[in-house]
Amino acid sequence: IMYAISMDLPFAQERYCGARNIKNLKTLSDHREASFGRAYGVLIEELRLLCRAIFIIDHDDIVQYVEYVPEVTQHPDYDKALDALRKVIFDSRYAIPTKR
């Protein structure tokens, strides 16, 4: 499951996704308490924004990959993140057993 978490209010997140025809993304708002931002070290307190970051968390809720983007206007290294995601997805510990 892929989530986009921001300090935007839910209605703004819905409007953004709707305007761009984004349908395969779940959005979460950290607007009220900024608890996600504090817990994951992405809260920019003085601006009340979350810095751009990618977290890949495995089936055991263990963080397997993190990238914090130093500048809000920059993008993360999507290729590196996708490589890390593939490793988690294809990890043999989570393979579905096949019947023989």
N, C-alpha and C. Protein backbone atom coordinates (compact mmCIF):
# COMPACT_ATOMS: atom_id res chain seq x y z
N ILE A 1 0.86 -1.17 0.00
CA ILE A 1 0.00 0.00 0.00
C ILE A 1 0.90 1.22 0.00
N MET A 2 0.54 2.21 -0.79
CA MET A 2 1.33 3.43 -0.84
C MET A 2 0.51 4.58 -0.27
N TYR A 3 1.14 5.32 0.64
CA TYR A 3 0.49 6.47 1.27
C TYR A 3 1.26 7.74 0.95
N ALA A 4 0.53 8.82 0.81
CA ALA A 4 1.13 10.15 0.76
C ALA A 4 0.64 10.87 2.01
N ILE A 5 1.57 11.30 2.83
CA ILE A 5 1.22 11.94 4.09
C ILE A 5 1.70 13.39 4.02
N SER A 6 0.81 14.30 4.34
CA SER A 6 1.17 15.72 4.30
C SER A 6 0.46 16.47 5.43
N MET A 7 0.80 17.74 5.53
CA MET A 7 0.14 18.60 6.51
C MET A 7 -1.13 19.23 5.94
N ASP A 8 -1.43 18.92 4.69
CA ASP A 8 -2.64 19.45 4.06
C ASP A 8 -3.88 18.84 4.71
N LEU A 9 -4.96 19.59 4.68
CA LEU A 9 -6.23 19.06 5.16
C LEU A 9 -6.74 18.02 4.18
N PRO A 10 -7.53 17.05 4.65
CA PRO A 10 -8.03 16.00 3.75
C PRO A 10 -8.73 16.52 2.50
N PHE A 11 -9.52 17.60 2.62
CA PHE A 11 -10.22 18.10 1.44
C PHE A 11 -9.23 18.60 0.39
N ALA A 12 -8.11 19.18 0.83
CA ALA A 12 -7.10 19.66 -0.11
C ALA A 12 -6.38 18.49 -0.78
N GLN A 13 -6.14 17.43 -0.02
CA GLN A 13 -5.52 16.24 -0.59
C GLN A 13 -6.42 15.63 -1.66
N GLU A 14 -7.72 15.54 -1.35
CA GLU A 14 -8.68 14.99 -2.32
C GLU A 14 -8.74 15.85 -3.58
N ARG A 15 -8.74 17.16 -3.40
CA ARG A 15 -8.79 18.07 -4.54
C ARG A 15 -7.55 17.90 -5.41
N TYR A 16 -6.39 17.80 -4.78
CA TYR A 16 -5.13 17.62 -5.51
C TYR A 16 -5.16 16.33 -6.34
N CYS A 17 -5.54 15.24 -5.70
CA CYS A 17 -5.59 13.94 -6.40
C CYS A 17 -6.64 13.96 -7.50
N GLY A 18 -7.78 14.55 -7.23
CA GLY A 18 -8.84 14.63 -8.23
C GLY A 18 -8.43 15.43 -9.45
N ALA A 19 -7.74 16.54 -9.24
CA ALA A 19 -7.31 17.39 -10.35
C ALA A 19 -6.27 16.71 -11.22
N ARG A 20 -5.54 15.75 -10.65
CA ARG A 20 -4.50 15.05 -11.39
C ARG A 20 -4.89 13.62 -11.74
N ASN A 21 -6.15 13.28 -11.48
CA ASN A 21 -6.70 11.95 -11.77
C ASN A 21 -5.88 10.84 -11.10
N ILE A 22 -5.44 11.09 -9.87
CA ILE A 22 -4.68 10.11 -9.10
C ILE A 22 -5.68 9.25 -8.33
N LYS A 23 -5.67 7.94 -8.59
CA LYS A 23 -6.65 7.06 -7.96
C LYS A 23 -6.02 5.93 -7.15
N ASN A 24 -4.75 5.66 -7.34
CA ASN A 24 -4.12 4.52 -6.68
C ASN A 24 -3.22 4.94 -5.52
N LEU A 25 -3.60 5.99 -4.83
CA LEU A 25 -2.80 6.53 -3.74
C LEU A 25 -3.71 6.84 -2.56
N LYS A 26 -3.31 6.39 -1.39
CA LYS A 26 -4.07 6.73 -0.18
C LYS A 26 -3.39 7.93 0.46
N THR A 27 -4.18 8.92 0.84
CA THR A 27 -3.62 10.11 1.47
C THR A 27 -4.00 10.16 2.94
N LEU A 28 -3.07 10.65 3.73
CA LEU A 28 -3.28 10.83 5.16
C LEU A 28 -2.85 12.25 5.52
N SER A 29 -3.59 12.87 6.42
CA SER A 29 -3.28 14.23 6.85
C SER A 29 -2.67 14.21 8.25
N ASP A 30 -1.55 14.90 8.40
CA ASP A 30 -0.89 15.04 9.70
C ASP A 30 -1.14 16.44 10.26
N HIS A 31 -2.17 17.10 9.73
CA HIS A 31 -2.43 18.50 10.03
C HIS A 31 -2.69 18.77 11.52
N ARG A 32 -3.48 17.97 12.16
CA ARG A 32 -3.89 18.27 13.54
C ARG A 32 -2.75 18.21 14.55
N GLU A 33 -2.06 17.09 14.61
CA GLU A 33 -1.08 16.90 15.68
C GLU A 33 0.37 16.85 15.22
N ALA A 34 0.59 16.69 13.94
CA ALA A 34 1.94 16.55 13.39
C ALA A 34 2.69 15.38 14.02
N SER A 35 1.95 14.37 14.45
CA SER A 35 2.56 13.23 15.14
C SER A 35 3.44 12.39 14.20
N PHE A 36 3.00 12.21 12.97
CA PHE A 36 3.83 11.47 12.02
C PHE A 36 5.13 12.23 11.76
N GLY A 37 5.00 13.52 11.51
CA GLY A 37 6.18 14.34 11.24
C GLY A 37 7.20 14.30 12.36
N ARG A 38 6.73 14.36 13.58
CA ARG A 38 7.65 14.29 14.73
C ARG A 38 8.26 12.89 14.85
N ALA A 39 7.43 11.87 14.73
CA ALA A 39 7.90 10.49 14.92
C ALA A 39 8.92 10.07 13.87
N TYR A 40 8.76 10.55 12.64
CA TYR A 40 9.64 10.14 11.56
C TYR A 40 10.69 11.19 11.19
N GLY A 41 10.75 12.27 11.97
CA GLY A 41 11.79 13.27 11.76
C GLY A 41 11.65 14.10 10.50
N VAL A 42 10.41 14.30 10.05
CA VAL A 42 10.20 15.05 8.81
C VAL A 42 9.46 16.37 9.02
N LEU A 43 9.15 16.71 10.25
CA LEU A 43 8.41 17.94 10.52
C LEU A 43 9.35 19.15 10.48
N ILE A 44 8.98 20.13 9.66
CA ILE A 44 9.68 21.41 9.64
C ILE A 44 8.81 22.34 10.49
N GLU A 45 9.14 22.43 11.77
CA GLU A 45 8.29 23.10 12.76
C GLU A 45 7.94 24.53 12.37
N GLU A 46 8.94 25.33 11.98
CA GLU A 46 8.70 26.75 11.73
C GLU A 46 7.80 27.00 10.52
N LEU A 47 7.74 26.05 9.60
CA LEU A 47 6.87 26.19 8.42
C LEU A 47 5.61 25.34 8.52
N ARG A 48 5.58 24.48 9.53
CA ARG A 48 4.48 23.51 9.70
C ARG A 48 4.26 22.72 8.41
N LEU A 49 5.36 22.20 7.90
CA LEU A 49 5.37 21.36 6.71
C LEU A 49 6.12 20.07 7.02
N LEU A 50 5.92 19.08 6.18
CA LEU A 50 6.73 17.86 6.25
C LEU A 50 7.74 17.92 5.11
N CYS A 51 8.99 17.58 5.42
CA CYS A 51 9.98 17.53 4.35
C CYS A 51 9.67 16.30 3.48
N ARG A 52 10.12 16.35 2.25
CA ARG A 52 9.91 15.20 1.37
C ARG A 52 10.78 14.05 1.84
N ALA A 53 10.18 12.89 1.88
CA ALA A 53 10.90 11.70 2.30
C ALA A 53 10.19 10.48 1.77
N ILE A 54 10.93 9.40 1.66
CA ILE A 54 10.36 8.11 1.30
C ILE A 54 10.73 7.12 2.39
N PHE A 55 9.74 6.39 2.86
CA PHE A 55 9.94 5.32 3.83
C PHE A 55 9.38 4.04 3.23
N ILE A 56 10.17 2.98 3.22
CA ILE A 56 9.67 1.68 2.79
C ILE A 56 9.69 0.79 4.02
N ILE A 57 8.52 0.30 4.36
CA ILE A 57 8.33 -0.48 5.58
C ILE A 57 7.87 -1.88 5.17
N ASP A 58 8.53 -2.89 5.72
CA ASP A 58 8.22 -4.26 5.29
C ASP A 58 6.99 -4.82 6.00
N HIS A 59 6.71 -6.08 5.73
CA HIS A 59 5.53 -6.75 6.27
C HIS A 59 5.56 -6.88 7.80
N ASP A 60 6.76 -6.77 8.37
CA ASP A 60 6.91 -6.85 9.83
C ASP A 60 6.98 -5.47 10.47
N ASP A 61 6.60 -4.44 9.71
CA ASP A 61 6.63 -3.05 10.16
C ASP A 61 8.03 -2.56 10.51
N ILE A 62 9.02 -3.09 9.82
CA ILE A 62 10.40 -2.65 10.00
C ILE A 62 10.77 -1.74 8.83
N VAL A 63 11.31 -0.58 9.15
CA VAL A 63 11.72 0.36 8.11
C VAL A 63 12.94 -0.22 7.39
N GLN A 64 12.80 -0.44 6.10
CA GLN A 64 13.87 -1.03 5.29
C GLN A 64 14.61 0.00 4.44
N TYR A 65 14.01 1.14 4.22
CA TYR A 65 14.63 2.17 3.38
C TYR A 65 14.10 3.52 3.80
N VAL A 66 14.99 4.50 3.85
CA VAL A 66 14.60 5.88 4.15
C VAL A 66 15.42 6.81 3.26
N GLU A 67 14.75 7.79 2.72
CA GLU A 67 15.46 8.88 2.04
C GLU A 67 14.79 10.18 2.44
N TYR A 68 15.57 11.07 3.05
CA TYR A 68 15.10 12.41 3.38
C TYR A 68 15.64 13.35 2.29
N VAL A 69 14.77 14.11 1.69
CA VAL A 69 15.18 15.03 0.63
C VAL A 69 15.53 16.37 1.28
N PRO A 70 16.75 16.88 1.06
CA PRO A 70 17.20 18.07 1.78
C PRO A 70 16.47 19.36 1.42
N GLU A 71 15.90 19.43 0.24
CA GLU A 71 15.22 20.65 -0.20
C GLU A 71 13.81 20.29 -0.67
N VAL A 72 12.82 21.03 -0.19
CA VAL A 72 11.41 20.73 -0.48
C VAL A 72 11.13 20.73 -1.98
N THR A 73 11.88 21.52 -2.74
CA THR A 73 11.62 21.61 -4.18
C THR A 73 12.28 20.48 -4.97
N GLN A 74 13.10 19.66 -4.31
CA GLN A 74 13.77 18.55 -4.99
C GLN A 74 12.94 17.27 -4.86
N HIS A 75 13.23 16.33 -5.73
CA HIS A 75 12.57 15.04 -5.69
C HIS A 75 13.51 14.00 -5.09
N PRO A 76 12.96 12.97 -4.48
CA PRO A 76 13.81 11.88 -4.01
C PRO A 76 14.34 11.07 -5.19
N ASP A 77 15.24 10.17 -4.92
CA ASP A 77 15.77 9.27 -5.94
C ASP A 77 14.78 8.11 -6.08
N TYR A 78 13.83 8.26 -7.00
CA TYR A 78 12.77 7.27 -7.15
C TYR A 78 13.32 5.91 -7.57
N ASP A 79 14.37 5.88 -8.37
CA ASP A 79 14.94 4.60 -8.80
C ASP A 79 15.49 3.81 -7.62
N LYS A 80 16.20 4.49 -6.73
CA LYS A 80 16.72 3.81 -5.53
C LYS A 80 15.58 3.29 -4.66
N ALA A 81 14.55 4.10 -4.52
CA ALA A 81 13.40 3.69 -3.71
C ALA A 81 12.70 2.48 -4.33
N LEU A 82 12.55 2.49 -5.64
CA LEU A 82 11.92 1.35 -6.31
C LEU A 82 12.76 0.09 -6.18
N ASP A 83 14.08 0.22 -6.25
CA ASP A 83 14.95 -0.94 -6.04
C ASP A 83 14.77 -1.51 -4.63
N ALA A 84 14.71 -0.62 -3.64
CA ALA A 84 14.51 -1.07 -2.26
C ALA A 84 13.14 -1.72 -2.10
N LEU A 85 12.14 -1.17 -2.75
CA LEU A 85 10.79 -1.74 -2.69
C LEU A 85 10.77 -3.13 -3.31
N ARG A 86 11.43 -3.29 -4.44
CA ARG A 86 11.49 -4.62 -5.08
C ARG A 86 12.12 -5.64 -4.16
N LYS A 87 13.18 -5.25 -3.45
CA LYS A 87 13.83 -6.17 -2.52
C LYS A 87 12.87 -6.61 -1.42
N VAL A 88 12.08 -5.68 -0.93
CA VAL A 88 11.10 -6.03 0.12
C VAL A 88 10.01 -6.92 -0.45
N ILE A 89 9.52 -6.57 -1.62
CA ILE A 89 8.43 -7.35 -2.23
C ILE A 89 8.87 -8.77 -2.54
N PHE A 90 10.07 -8.92 -3.05
CA PHE A 90 10.53 -10.24 -3.48
C PHE A 90 11.36 -10.96 -2.42
N ASP A 91 11.36 -10.46 -1.21
CA ASP A 91 12.05 -11.11 -0.10
C ASP A 91 11.44 -12.50 0.09
N SER A 92 12.27 -13.52 0.12
CA SER A 92 11.77 -14.90 0.19
C SER A 92 10.99 -15.19 1.47
N ARG A 93 11.20 -14.40 2.52
CA ARG A 93 10.45 -14.62 3.76
C ARG A 93 8.96 -14.41 3.55
N TYR A 94 8.60 -13.64 2.52
CA TYR A 94 7.20 -13.32 2.31
C TYR A 94 6.63 -13.99 1.07
N ALA A 95 7.38 -14.90 0.51
CA ALA A 95 6.89 -15.58 -0.70
C ALA A 95 5.67 -16.43 -0.35
N ILE A 96 4.74 -16.47 -1.26
CA ILE A 96 3.55 -17.30 -1.08
C ILE A 96 3.91 -18.72 -1.47
N PRO A 97 3.72 -19.67 -0.54
CA PRO A 97 4.08 -21.06 -0.87
C PRO A 97 3.24 -21.58 -2.04
N THR A 98 3.89 -22.34 -2.88
CA THR A 98 3.16 -22.94 -4.00
C THR A 98 2.90 -24.41 -3.70
N LYS A 99 1.76 -24.90 -4.17
CA LYS A 99 1.42 -26.31 -3.97
C LYS A 99 2.13 -27.12 -5.03
N ARG A 100 2.60 -28.29 -4.64
CA ARG A 100 3.28 -29.17 -5.60
C ARG A 100 2.46 -30.38 -5.84
